[in-house]
Structures are given as C-alpha cells and as structure tokens.
Amino acid sequence: MRNILRRIRHDESAGEMIEWALVVGLVVIVAISLVAAFGTKTLARWTSVNQSM
C-alpha cells in the first residue's frame, strides 16, 4: 500500500496533461475570438471585391 501511495505522489504525468489541456483550451479560445473578430470584416471585403468584378 505504501508503494502505491508513493508512486501516486511522485507521478507528475497527470499534472502535465492538465497543464497541456489548459494551454490547448486557451489557444482554442484565442483562435475562436480572432475568427469572430476578423471573420465578418474579411467576408465583407471579399463580398465587396466580388461585387466590383
């Protein structure tokens, strides 16, 4: 029983996985925010170019 508790206490892979999940989550949130912010402007620009042709 002590060996199991000792291994669990020294295991850091779960902590690293949580950290990476948080980093990936933040990157996804930033990407969605950028698409939402610039998506409508880009669509309007392409529509304008398309109508001028």
C-alpha atoms as a PDB file:
ATOM      1  CA  MET A   1       0.000   0.000   0.000  1.00  0.00           C
ATOM      2  CA  ARG A   2       2.831   2.399   0.771  1.00  0.00           C
ATOM      3  CA  ASN A   3       4.423   1.724  -2.601  1.00  0.00           C
ATOM      4  CA  ILE A   4       1.197   2.602  -4.402  1.00  0.00           C
ATOM      5  CA  LEU A   5       0.800   5.845  -2.465  1.00  0.00           C
ATOM      6  CA  ARG A   6       4.435   6.724  -3.066  1.00  0.00           C
ATOM      7  CA  ARG A   7       4.070   6.163  -6.822  1.00  0.00           C
ATOM      8  CA  ILE A   8       0.909   8.267  -6.972  1.00  0.00           C
ATOM      9  CA  ARG A   9       2.566  11.068  -5.057  1.00  0.00           C
ATOM     10  CA  HIS A  10       5.619  11.114  -7.350  1.00  0.00           C
ATOM     11  CA  ASP A  11       3.671  10.726 -10.605  1.00  0.00           C
ATOM     12  CA  GLU A  12       3.691  14.040 -12.450  1.00  0.00           C
ATOM     13  CA  SER A  13       2.234  12.966 -15.792  1.00  0.00           C
ATOM     14  CA  ALA A  14      -1.353  13.788 -14.774  1.00  0.00           C
ATOM     15  CA  GLY A  15      -0.325  17.316 -13.796  1.00  0.00           C
ATOM     16  CA  GLU A  16       1.448  17.814 -17.104  1.00  0.00           C
ATOM     17  CA  MET A  17      -1.576  16.572 -19.006  1.00  0.00           C
ATOM     18  CA  ILE A  18      -3.796  19.047 -17.187  1.00  0.00           C
ATOM     19  CA  GLU A  19      -1.377  21.864 -17.970  1.00  0.00           C
ATOM     20  CA  TRP A  20      -1.309  20.981 -21.674  1.00  0.00           C
ATOM     21  CA  ALA A  21      -5.102  20.725 -21.738  1.00  0.00           C
ATOM     22  CA  LEU A  22      -5.322  24.243 -20.283  1.00  0.00           C
ATOM     23  CA  VAL A  23      -2.839  25.582 -22.836  1.00  0.00           C
ATOM     24  CA  VAL A  24      -4.720  23.975 -25.728  1.00  0.00           C
ATOM     25  CA  GLY A  25      -8.003  25.313 -24.355  1.00  0.00           C
ATOM     26  CA  LEU A  26      -6.619  28.838 -24.220  1.00  0.00           C
ATOM     27  CA  VAL A  27      -5.277  28.577 -27.779  1.00  0.00           C
ATOM     28  CA  VAL A  28      -8.694  27.430 -28.990  1.00  0.00           C
ATOM     29  CA  ILE A  29     -10.411  30.318 -27.205  1.00  0.00           C
ATOM     30  CA  VAL A  30      -7.995  32.830 -28.754  1.00  0.00           C
ATOM     31  CA  ALA A  31      -8.456  31.317 -32.219  1.00  0.00           C
ATOM     32  CA  ILE A  32     -12.244  31.475 -31.953  1.00  0.00           C
ATOM     33  CA  SER A  33     -12.036  35.073 -30.749  1.00  0.00           C
ATOM     34  CA  LEU A  34      -9.819  36.067 -33.666  1.00  0.00           C
ATOM     35  CA  VAL A  35     -12.086  34.406 -36.203  1.00  0.00           C
ATOM     36  CA  ALA A  36     -15.107  36.107 -34.666  1.00  0.00           C
ATOM     37  CA  ALA A  37     -13.367  39.496 -34.659  1.00  0.00           C
ATOM     38  CA  PHE A  38     -11.907  39.409 -38.157  1.00  0.00           C
ATOM     39  CA  GLY A  39     -14.254  36.992 -39.900  1.00  0.00           C
ATOM     40  CA  THR A  40     -17.003  39.474 -40.635  1.00  0.00           C
ATOM     41  CA  LYS A  41     -14.552  42.091 -41.891  1.00  0.00           C
ATOM     42  CA  THR A  42     -12.888  39.576 -44.189  1.00  0.00           C
ATOM     43  CA  LEU A  43     -16.240  38.368 -45.516  1.00  0.00           C
ATOM     44  CA  ALA A  44     -17.308  41.948 -46.193  1.00  0.00           C
ATOM     45  CA  ARG A  45     -14.065  42.623 -48.061  1.00  0.00           C
ATOM     46  CA  TRP A  46     -14.443  39.533 -50.262  1.00  0.00           C
ATOM     47  CA  THR A  47     -18.072  40.407 -50.948  1.00  0.00           C
ATOM     48  CA  SER A  48     -17.024  43.903 -51.981  1.00  0.00           C
ATOM     49  CA  VAL A  49     -14.316  42.544 -54.298  1.00  0.00           C
ATOM     50  CA  ASN A  50     -16.739  40.027 -55.776  1.00  0.00           C
ATOM     51  CA  GLN A  51     -19.377  42.684 -56.479  1.00  0.00           C
ATOM     52  CA  SER A  52     -16.866  45.017 -58.113  1.00  0.00           C
ATOM     53  CA  MET A  53     -15.904  42.383 -60.672  1.00  0.00           C
END
